[in-house]
Amino acid sequence: MKGQTHEEILESKDFKRGDQVAYIPGHAQDINSPDAEFGFVTSTDSEHVFARYWHKGMPHGRLRTVANSERTPMRRLIHFDYIDQAIVDELLSRLAQQEKRVEKTVVAQ
């Protein structure tokens, strides 16, 4: 699937929960770099996108970042559909359930 070039990177307001993204490090030339990371957005703020990234070589459901999302500068992200969106949607649903359980635990304490 075709993503955008580095020059076409969008502002954070254009990213939303569930969007698939590619992170292109500053030293990388483009999305074809072996250092590019693929993942999906969990939330945003005015300057950053928070994302979960796939374990390299095992993109279909195995997350590299299992404990939390990683804050990523929006200028280093592009929209890029990497896997079936249904996989992302299912993971986001599970993450939301986990967040609710954590909130209930914190409130109960």
N, C-alpha and C. Protein backbone atom coordinates (compact mmCIF):
# COMPACT_ATOMS: atom_id res chain seq x y z
N MET A 1 0.84 -1.19 0.00
CA MET A 1 0.00 0.00 0.00
C MET A 1 0.88 1.24 0.00
N LYS A 2 0.38 2.27 -0.61
CA LYS A 2 1.19 3.46 -0.77
C LYS A 2 0.92 4.47 0.33
N GLY A 3 1.97 4.96 0.97
CA GLY A 3 1.87 6.01 1.98
C GLY A 3 2.31 7.34 1.39
N GLN A 4 2.39 8.34 2.22
CA GLN A 4 2.81 9.65 1.77
C GLN A 4 4.33 9.78 1.86
N THR A 5 4.86 10.73 1.12
CA THR A 5 6.28 11.01 1.22
C THR A 5 6.52 11.82 2.48
N HIS A 6 7.79 11.90 2.87
CA HIS A 6 8.15 12.64 4.08
C HIS A 6 7.70 14.10 3.98
N GLU A 7 7.72 14.66 2.79
CA GLU A 7 7.32 16.07 2.60
C GLU A 7 5.83 16.29 2.78
N GLU A 8 5.05 15.22 2.74
CA GLU A 8 3.60 15.34 2.84
C GLU A 8 3.07 15.02 4.24
N ILE A 9 3.95 15.02 5.21
CA ILE A 9 3.54 14.70 6.57
C ILE A 9 2.50 15.70 7.06
N LEU A 10 1.51 15.19 7.75
CA LEU A 10 0.39 16.00 8.18
C LEU A 10 0.57 16.48 9.61
N GLU A 11 -0.23 17.48 10.00
CA GLU A 11 -0.21 17.96 11.37
C GLU A 11 -0.95 16.99 12.27
N SER A 12 -0.66 17.08 13.57
CA SER A 12 -1.24 16.14 14.53
C SER A 12 -2.76 16.09 14.47
N LYS A 13 -3.39 17.21 14.20
CA LYS A 13 -4.85 17.23 14.17
C LYS A 13 -5.39 16.31 13.07
N ASP A 14 -4.55 15.95 12.10
CA ASP A 14 -4.97 15.08 11.03
C ASP A 14 -4.83 13.60 11.40
N PHE A 15 -4.21 13.33 12.54
CA PHE A 15 -4.09 11.95 13.01
C PHE A 15 -5.18 11.70 14.04
N LYS A 16 -5.74 10.51 14.00
CA LYS A 16 -6.75 10.16 14.98
C LYS A 16 -6.54 8.72 15.44
N ARG A 17 -7.14 8.41 16.56
CA ARG A 17 -7.04 7.06 17.13
C ARG A 17 -7.40 6.03 16.06
N GLY A 18 -6.52 5.04 15.91
CA GLY A 18 -6.76 3.98 14.94
C GLY A 18 -6.07 4.16 13.61
N ASP A 19 -5.60 5.36 13.32
CA ASP A 19 -4.87 5.57 12.06
C ASP A 19 -3.59 4.75 12.07
N GLN A 20 -3.31 4.10 10.97
CA GLN A 20 -2.04 3.39 10.83
C GLN A 20 -0.98 4.38 10.37
N VAL A 21 0.21 4.24 10.92
CA VAL A 21 1.28 5.20 10.64
C VAL A 21 2.61 4.49 10.44
N ALA A 22 3.52 5.23 9.83
CA ALA A 22 4.91 4.82 9.73
C ALA A 22 5.75 5.92 10.34
N TYR A 23 6.67 5.53 11.21
CA TYR A 23 7.62 6.47 11.82
C TYR A 23 8.90 6.40 11.01
N ILE A 24 9.36 7.56 10.54
CA ILE A 24 10.59 7.63 9.77
C ILE A 24 11.60 8.44 10.58
N PRO A 25 12.62 7.76 11.14
CA PRO A 25 13.61 8.47 11.95
C PRO A 25 14.33 9.55 11.13
N GLY A 26 14.90 10.52 11.83
CA GLY A 26 15.57 11.64 11.17
C GLY A 26 16.72 11.22 10.26
N HIS A 27 17.40 10.14 10.59
CA HIS A 27 18.53 9.71 9.78
C HIS A 27 18.11 8.89 8.56
N ALA A 28 16.85 8.49 8.51
CA ALA A 28 16.36 7.65 7.41
C ALA A 28 15.96 8.50 6.21
N GLN A 29 16.16 7.97 5.06
CA GLN A 29 15.80 8.67 3.82
C GLN A 29 14.30 8.63 3.54
N ASP A 30 13.70 7.48 3.78
CA ASP A 30 12.28 7.32 3.45
C ASP A 30 11.71 6.09 4.16
N ILE A 31 10.51 5.75 3.80
CA ILE A 31 9.79 4.65 4.43
C ILE A 31 10.44 3.30 4.18
N ASN A 32 11.28 3.20 3.18
CA ASN A 32 11.94 1.93 2.85
C ASN A 32 13.15 1.65 3.74
N SER A 33 13.50 2.58 4.60
CA SER A 33 14.62 2.38 5.51
C SER A 33 14.33 1.21 6.45
N PRO A 34 15.34 0.39 6.75
CA PRO A 34 15.11 -0.69 7.71
C PRO A 34 14.82 -0.17 9.12
N ASP A 35 15.06 1.11 9.36
CA ASP A 35 14.79 1.70 10.67
C ASP A 35 13.38 2.28 10.79
N ALA A 36 12.62 2.29 9.71
CA ALA A 36 11.23 2.76 9.78
C ALA A 36 10.44 1.82 10.67
N GLU A 37 9.49 2.38 11.42
CA GLU A 37 8.64 1.60 12.33
C GLU A 37 7.19 1.78 11.89
N PHE A 38 6.42 0.71 12.01
CA PHE A 38 5.02 0.75 11.61
C PHE A 38 4.14 0.49 12.82
N GLY A 39 3.03 1.20 12.89
CA GLY A 39 2.15 1.05 14.03
C GLY A 39 0.83 1.75 13.82
N PHE A 40 0.20 2.13 14.95
CA PHE A 40 -1.09 2.81 14.88
C PHE A 40 -1.22 3.79 16.03
N VAL A 41 -2.04 4.81 15.81
CA VAL A 41 -2.25 5.90 16.76
C VAL A 41 -3.19 5.46 17.87
N THR A 42 -2.79 5.79 19.11
CA THR A 42 -3.70 5.56 20.24
C THR A 42 -4.27 6.88 20.76
N SER A 43 -3.52 7.99 20.62
CA SER A 43 -4.01 9.32 21.00
C SER A 43 -3.05 10.37 20.45
N THR A 44 -3.44 11.64 20.60
CA THR A 44 -2.62 12.75 20.11
C THR A 44 -2.67 13.92 21.09
N ASP A 45 -1.68 14.81 20.98
CA ASP A 45 -1.76 16.13 21.60
C ASP A 45 -1.35 17.13 20.53
N SER A 46 -1.05 18.36 20.89
CA SER A 46 -0.80 19.39 19.88
C SER A 46 0.50 19.18 19.09
N GLU A 47 1.45 18.44 19.63
CA GLU A 47 2.73 18.27 18.95
C GLU A 47 3.14 16.83 18.72
N HIS A 48 2.47 15.91 19.37
CA HIS A 48 2.89 14.52 19.32
C HIS A 48 1.74 13.58 19.00
N VAL A 49 2.12 12.45 18.51
CA VAL A 49 1.18 11.35 18.31
C VAL A 49 1.66 10.23 19.22
N PHE A 50 0.75 9.61 19.93
CA PHE A 50 1.08 8.47 20.77
C PHE A 50 0.68 7.22 20.00
N ALA A 51 1.63 6.31 19.84
CA ALA A 51 1.39 5.16 18.98
C ALA A 51 1.95 3.88 19.59
N ARG A 52 1.39 2.79 19.17
CA ARG A 52 1.92 1.46 19.46
C ARG A 52 2.55 0.98 18.16
N TYR A 53 3.68 0.31 18.29
CA TYR A 53 4.41 -0.15 17.11
C TYR A 53 4.50 -1.66 17.07
N TRP A 54 4.48 -2.19 15.85
CA TRP A 54 4.56 -3.63 15.64
C TRP A 54 5.98 -4.12 15.85
N HIS A 55 6.07 -5.31 16.37
CA HIS A 55 7.36 -5.98 16.49
C HIS A 55 7.86 -6.25 15.06
N LYS A 56 9.09 -5.85 14.76
CA LYS A 56 9.61 -6.02 13.40
C LYS A 56 9.63 -7.50 13.04
N GLY A 57 9.19 -7.77 11.83
CA GLY A 57 9.16 -9.15 11.35
C GLY A 57 7.93 -9.93 11.78
N MET A 58 7.12 -9.37 12.67
CA MET A 58 5.90 -10.03 13.13
C MET A 58 4.79 -9.00 13.26
N PRO A 59 4.37 -8.42 12.16
CA PRO A 59 3.44 -7.29 12.24
C PRO A 59 1.99 -7.64 12.56
N HIS A 60 1.60 -8.87 12.39
CA HIS A 60 0.18 -9.20 12.47
C HIS A 60 -0.28 -9.54 13.88
N GLY A 61 -0.37 -8.49 14.70
CA GLY A 61 -0.93 -8.66 16.02
C GLY A 61 0.07 -8.69 17.16
N ARG A 62 1.34 -8.70 16.89
CA ARG A 62 2.32 -8.70 17.97
C ARG A 62 2.92 -7.30 18.12
N LEU A 63 2.63 -6.69 19.25
CA LEU A 63 3.10 -5.34 19.49
C LEU A 63 4.49 -5.34 20.12
N ARG A 64 5.32 -4.42 19.69
CA ARG A 64 6.62 -4.22 20.31
C ARG A 64 6.45 -3.46 21.62
N THR A 65 5.52 -2.53 21.62
CA THR A 65 5.27 -1.69 22.79
C THR A 65 4.01 -2.19 23.49
N VAL A 66 4.19 -3.06 24.48
CA VAL A 66 3.02 -3.67 25.11
C VAL A 66 2.57 -2.94 26.37
N ALA A 67 3.46 -2.23 27.04
CA ALA A 67 3.10 -1.58 28.30
C ALA A 67 2.41 -0.24 28.11
N ASN A 68 2.79 0.48 27.07
CA ASN A 68 2.21 1.80 26.84
C ASN A 68 2.50 2.27 25.42
N SER A 69 1.87 3.37 25.06
CA SER A 69 2.11 3.97 23.75
C SER A 69 3.38 4.81 23.81
N GLU A 70 3.98 5.01 22.65
CA GLU A 70 5.20 5.81 22.58
C GLU A 70 4.89 7.19 22.00
N ARG A 71 5.38 8.21 22.67
CA ARG A 71 5.21 9.58 22.18
C ARG A 71 6.15 9.77 20.99
N THR A 72 5.57 10.18 19.88
CA THR A 72 6.32 10.31 18.64
C THR A 72 6.09 11.70 18.06
N PRO A 73 7.16 12.41 17.67
CA PRO A 73 6.96 13.72 17.05
C PRO A 73 6.17 13.58 15.75
N MET A 74 5.13 14.39 15.61
CA MET A 74 4.27 14.26 14.43
C MET A 74 5.04 14.50 13.14
N ARG A 75 6.10 15.28 13.19
CA ARG A 75 6.85 15.57 11.96
C ARG A 75 7.57 14.34 11.41
N ARG A 76 7.64 13.28 12.21
CA ARG A 76 8.32 12.05 11.79
C ARG A 76 7.34 10.95 11.38
N LEU A 77 6.05 11.26 11.35
CA LEU A 77 5.04 10.27 11.02
C LEU A 77 4.36 10.56 9.70
N ILE A 78 4.00 9.50 9.02
CA ILE A 78 3.13 9.59 7.85
C ILE A 78 2.02 8.57 8.00
N HIS A 79 0.90 8.84 7.38
CA HIS A 79 -0.16 7.84 7.33
C HIS A 79 0.33 6.72 6.41
N PHE A 80 0.16 5.49 6.86
CA PHE A 80 0.59 4.36 6.04
C PHE A 80 -0.15 3.12 6.49
N ASP A 81 -1.03 2.59 5.62
CA ASP A 81 -1.78 1.38 5.93
C ASP A 81 -0.85 0.19 5.73
N TYR A 82 -0.56 -0.50 6.84
CA TYR A 82 0.41 -1.58 6.84
C TYR A 82 -0.23 -2.96 6.92
N ILE A 83 -1.31 -3.06 7.71
CA ILE A 83 -2.00 -4.34 7.87
C ILE A 83 -3.50 -4.12 7.80
N ASP A 84 -4.24 -5.18 7.89
CA ASP A 84 -5.70 -5.12 7.86
C ASP A 84 -6.19 -4.25 9.02
N GLN A 85 -7.01 -3.28 8.75
CA GLN A 85 -7.51 -2.36 9.77
C GLN A 85 -8.28 -3.08 10.86
N ALA A 86 -8.88 -4.23 10.55
CA ALA A 86 -9.63 -4.99 11.56
C ALA A 86 -8.71 -5.43 12.71
N ILE A 87 -7.46 -5.72 12.43
CA ILE A 87 -6.50 -6.11 13.47
C ILE A 87 -6.26 -4.93 14.41
N VAL A 88 -6.08 -3.75 13.83
CA VAL A 88 -5.86 -2.55 14.63
C VAL A 88 -7.09 -2.26 15.48
N ASP A 89 -8.26 -2.33 14.88
CA ASP A 89 -9.50 -2.05 15.61
C ASP A 89 -9.68 -3.01 16.79
N GLU A 90 -9.36 -4.29 16.60
CA GLU A 90 -9.48 -5.27 17.67
C GLU A 90 -8.51 -4.95 18.81
N LEU A 91 -7.28 -4.61 18.48
CA LEU A 91 -6.31 -4.26 19.51
C LEU A 91 -6.72 -3.01 20.27
N LEU A 92 -7.24 -2.02 19.57
CA LEU A 92 -7.70 -0.80 20.25
C LEU A 92 -8.86 -1.11 21.20
N SER A 93 -9.72 -2.02 20.81
CA SER A 93 -10.83 -2.42 21.68
C SER A 93 -10.29 -3.08 22.95
N ARG A 94 -9.31 -3.95 22.80
CA ARG A 94 -8.70 -4.59 23.97
C ARG A 94 -7.99 -3.58 24.86
N LEU A 95 -7.29 -2.64 24.24
CA LEU A 95 -6.60 -1.61 25.02
C LEU A 95 -7.59 -0.77 25.81
N ALA A 96 -8.72 -0.43 25.20
CA ALA A 96 -9.74 0.36 25.89
C ALA A 96 -10.28 -0.41 27.09
N GLN A 97 -10.48 -1.71 26.95
CA GLN A 97 -10.95 -2.52 28.07
C GLN A 97 -9.93 -2.54 29.20
N GLN A 98 -8.65 -2.67 28.85
CA GLN A 98 -7.59 -2.66 29.86
C GLN A 98 -7.54 -1.32 30.59
N GLU A 99 -7.69 -0.22 29.84
CA GLU A 99 -7.66 1.11 30.44
C GLU A 99 -8.81 1.27 31.44
N LYS A 100 -9.98 0.76 31.11
CA LYS A 100 -11.13 0.84 32.02
C LYS A 100 -10.87 0.06 33.30
N ARG A 101 -10.25 -1.11 33.17
CA ARG A 101 -9.94 -1.91 34.36
C ARG A 101 -8.94 -1.19 35.26
N VAL A 102 -7.96 -0.56 34.65
CA VAL A 102 -6.96 0.19 35.42
C VAL A 102 -7.61 1.37 36.13
N GLU A 103 -8.48 2.09 35.43
CA GLU A 103 -9.17 3.24 36.05
C GLU A 103 -10.00 2.78 37.25
N LYS A 104 -10.70 1.67 37.13
CA LYS A 104 -11.51 1.17 38.25
C LYS A 104 -10.63 0.81 39.43
N THR A 105 -9.48 0.22 39.16
CA THR A 105 -8.55 -0.15 40.23
C THR A 105 -8.01 1.07 40.93
N VAL A 106 -7.65 2.09 40.18
CA VAL A 106 -7.11 3.33 40.76
C VAL A 106 -8.17 4.03 41.60
N VAL A 107 -9.37 4.10 41.10
CA VAL A 107 -10.47 4.76 41.82
C VAL A 107 -10.77 3.99 43.11
N ALA A 108 -10.72 2.68 43.07
CA ALA A 108 -11.03 1.87 44.24
C ALA A 108 -9.98 2.04 45.36
N GLN A 109 -8.79 2.40 44.97
CA GLN A 109 -7.74 2.57 45.98
C GLN A 109 -7.92 3.90 46.64
